[in-house]
Amino acid sequence: MTDRWGFTFPLDPLPLAAQRELVREAEGWGYTDAWTAEADGADAFVPAALALAWSERMRAGTAIANVFARGPALTAMSAATVAEAAPGRFCLGIGASSPAIVERWNGVPWRQPLARTREVLSFLRAAFAGEKVTNEALGVRGYRLGRRFAEPPPVFVAALRRKMLELAGSAADGVIINWLSPEDASKAVGVARGAAQAAGRDPDALEVVCRIFVLPPADDTVVRFVARRAIAGYLTTPVYGAFHRWLGRGEALRTMQEAWDAGDRQAATEAVPEQLIEELFVTGSRRECLDKIDAYCRNGVTVPVLSFLPMSLDATEQAERAVAMLRELGRR
């Protein structure tokens, strides 16, 4: 397996202030990485800073910091601050997010996500190098990062389809992928590393962070329902729908998509193919789970990042199951 072993932090639904000891324990269980997420709960940077402060060796990364919702200078300052606090242990992951998060929740137009991500990546490289940056595409004029640090953080790009994967491979330090099977990972990694090689870079040096969704043990009916609901909620969105059509699942997901578009959420959930649950989620015994995670690693993932789906409506029970699974899948 890979040398790195990560989990999504903070671990829901535990209060952030209560997770200091969890971070320390997770490091003892063999976790080397804590990667944040950013949608409608915790932001990307504060939990990363806390994970770094609460651990001794753990690396933390943002997966992802939104390139639309934040201005380029604010992103650079936030990343530089965390990187300065924990030299060599922070990674900045950026991405275009989705129309729902960018437009509906932040009131910012979601336009030309590839171009926006490319320009922000270019801006960050220059800013971290201490340059005075002007970027007309971003509306930036004469910005220079006011603080200096010896080691700028590596920048990762979240990518789904070919063009964003090629951007990550050709210009970033790593790529962040999610919502795919081990076999899908092979395709995505191949595109990113092919772009790295075409750009004259070492393709094997490209880090591949993959958020892997884990279903903690529960009644099989509950497990299947949670999995179907997650698939229906995500893969019917324009961004992830297009991603899975690119992966070759257009026909397999057609009935689900049609029901969702018609407003019938129950029918859409029931139409999720059983095979897709097996492909996209890690579940079963500890050995079965580790074997599935190992399959991702064999297909090019260098940093598996485990994310635990809720198996209970009771917050205490949900937290207990997530922590137990985190401990169970640790690399001792």
Foldseek 3Di string as FASTA:
>chain_A
DFQAEAAEPPAPPDPLVPCLVVLAVLVVLAHQEYEYEDFPDDAGQPRQLSSLVSYDRHAYEYPAHALFLDALVVLLQSQVVSCQVRPPRYAHEYFNDACCRRCVVRNTDSPPRLVSVLQSLVVNVQQLVQHQDDDVVRPDHGDHDPDHDDHRHFYEYEDQDQSSLLSRLQRGQEYEYEQFFLVLLLVSLVSSLVSNVVNVHHSLRYAYEYEAEEEFDDPPVLSLLLLLLVCLVPCLGPVNVVSVVNVVCNVLQVQLNVCVVVVNSVSSSVSNDPVSSVGRHQYDDLVSNVVRVVSNVVSPHNYYYYHYGARDPDRVVRSVRVSVVSSSNGDD
